[in-house]
Amino acid sequence: MEDKLGVREFQDLIKEEFFHKDSRRGLPRTFIWFTEEVGELARAIRYADRKSVKEEFADVLAWLCTLANLAGIDLEEEARERYGKGCPRCGSKPCKCKEAFK
């Protein structure tokens, strides 16, 4: 059985590996790196490059964890608090909000 990482464990792994560099860069400049990774994910999705899509999802998650580490946010705790009891807007599980598609 392969090892699985939860959100907190992954965030801790990213902190252990990269915090020394990320903290010198700071939150605003790190956010720019994050948005570049989101752009790379968008490009991979646009061109339906499955291998790149998978890699870019992992990179976006890693950079999101980096931002949370710099901001002192526990992503797992905050995600559970915000989404663990249902949709933050309507409170239902699954969400019953009406979408406005244009």
Protein backbone atom coordinates (compact mmCIF):
# COMPACT_ATOMS: atom_id res chain seq x y z
CA MET A 1 0.00 0.00 0.00
CA GLU A 2 1.41 3.37 -0.98
CA ASP A 3 1.77 6.20 1.48
CA LYS A 4 -0.88 8.88 1.21
CA LEU A 5 -0.36 12.46 2.26
CA GLY A 6 -3.17 14.50 3.75
CA VAL A 7 -3.32 18.22 3.19
CA ARG A 8 -1.58 19.00 6.47
CA GLU A 9 1.18 16.46 5.85
CA PHE A 10 1.75 17.83 2.36
CA GLN A 11 1.81 21.40 3.64
CA ASP A 12 4.36 20.35 6.29
CA LEU A 13 6.46 18.57 3.66
CA ILE A 14 6.51 21.71 1.49
CA LYS A 15 7.43 23.85 4.51
CA GLU A 16 10.28 21.56 5.49
CA GLU A 17 11.63 21.52 1.94
CA PHE A 18 11.20 25.12 0.82
CA PHE A 19 10.38 27.50 3.71
CA HIS A 20 13.98 28.67 4.06
CA LYS A 21 13.85 30.02 0.49
CA ASP A 22 10.19 31.04 0.45
CA SER A 23 10.45 33.17 3.59
CA ARG A 24 13.28 35.19 2.03
CA ARG A 25 11.14 35.82 -1.07
CA GLY A 26 8.13 36.90 1.01
CA LEU A 27 4.40 36.57 0.51
CA PRO A 28 3.82 39.14 -2.28
CA ARG A 29 6.58 37.81 -4.57
CA THR A 30 5.63 34.22 -3.79
CA PHE A 31 2.06 35.00 -4.83
CA ILE A 32 3.40 36.04 -8.24
CA TRP A 33 5.09 32.62 -8.57
CA PHE A 34 1.80 30.98 -7.60
CA THR A 35 -0.13 32.86 -10.30
CA GLU A 36 2.47 31.81 -12.88
CA GLU A 37 1.86 28.18 -11.90
CA VAL A 38 -1.89 28.68 -12.27
CA GLY A 39 -1.21 30.05 -15.75
CA GLU A 40 0.84 26.95 -16.59
CA LEU A 41 -2.06 24.78 -15.39
CA ALA A 42 -4.47 26.77 -17.56
CA ARG A 43 -2.24 26.26 -20.58
CA ALA A 44 -1.96 22.51 -19.93
CA ILE A 45 -5.75 22.25 -19.62
CA ARG A 46 -6.26 24.31 -22.76
CA TYR A 47 -4.03 22.01 -24.81
CA ALA A 48 -5.37 18.84 -23.14
CA ASP A 49 -1.88 17.72 -22.18
CA ARG A 50 -2.77 15.12 -19.54
CA LYS A 51 0.79 14.63 -18.24
CA SER A 52 1.33 18.37 -17.86
CA VAL A 53 -2.12 18.85 -16.30
CA LYS A 54 -1.25 16.35 -13.57
CA GLU A 55 2.15 17.95 -12.94
CA GLU A 56 0.75 21.48 -12.89
CA PHE A 57 -2.02 20.54 -10.44
CA ALA A 58 0.72 19.29 -8.10
CA ASP A 59 2.74 22.47 -8.61
CA VAL A 60 -0.27 24.71 -7.93
CA LEU A 61 -1.01 22.78 -4.73
CA ALA A 62 2.63 23.08 -3.64
CA TRP A 63 2.69 26.84 -4.24
CA LEU A 64 -0.68 27.23 -2.47
CA CYS A 65 0.82 25.42 0.53
CA THR A 66 3.84 27.72 0.35
CA LEU A 67 1.58 30.77 0.48
CA ALA A 68 -0.34 29.33 3.42
CA ASN A 69 2.91 28.58 5.25
CA LEU A 70 4.11 32.14 4.76
CA ALA A 71 0.75 33.48 6.00
CA GLY A 72 0.67 31.09 8.99
CA ILE A 73 -2.48 29.34 7.75
CA ASP A 74 -3.24 25.64 8.28
CA LEU A 75 -4.98 24.79 4.99
CA GLU A 76 -6.52 21.56 6.24
CA GLU A 77 -8.04 23.24 9.29
CA GLU A 78 -9.38 26.20 7.31
CA ALA A 79 -10.77 24.00 4.52
CA ARG A 80 -12.53 21.78 7.05
CA GLU A 81 -13.96 24.81 8.86
CA ARG A 82 -15.19 26.48 5.67
CA TYR A 83 -16.39 23.47 3.66
CA GLY A 84 -16.73 20.60 6.13
CA LYS A 85 -20.38 21.25 6.98
CA GLY A 86 -21.60 21.82 3.45
CA CYS A 87 -21.62 24.66 0.97
CA PRO A 88 -20.49 27.89 2.68
CA ARG A 89 -23.28 29.78 0.91
CA CYS A 90 -26.35 27.52 1.07
CA GLY A 91 -25.23 25.07 3.77
CA SER A 92 -26.31 22.01 1.76
CA LYS A 93 -24.38 18.84 1.03
CA PRO A 94 -24.23 18.65 -1.94
CA CYS A 95 -24.52 22.31 -2.83
CA LYS A 96 -27.95 23.43 -4.03
CA CYS A 97 -27.01 26.96 -5.02
CA LYS A 98 -28.34 28.07 -8.37
CA GLU A 99 -25.55 28.88 -10.79
CA ALA A 100 -25.80 31.84 -13.09
CA PHE A 101 -24.22 30.69 -16.35
CA LYS A 102 -23.97 33.32 -19.04
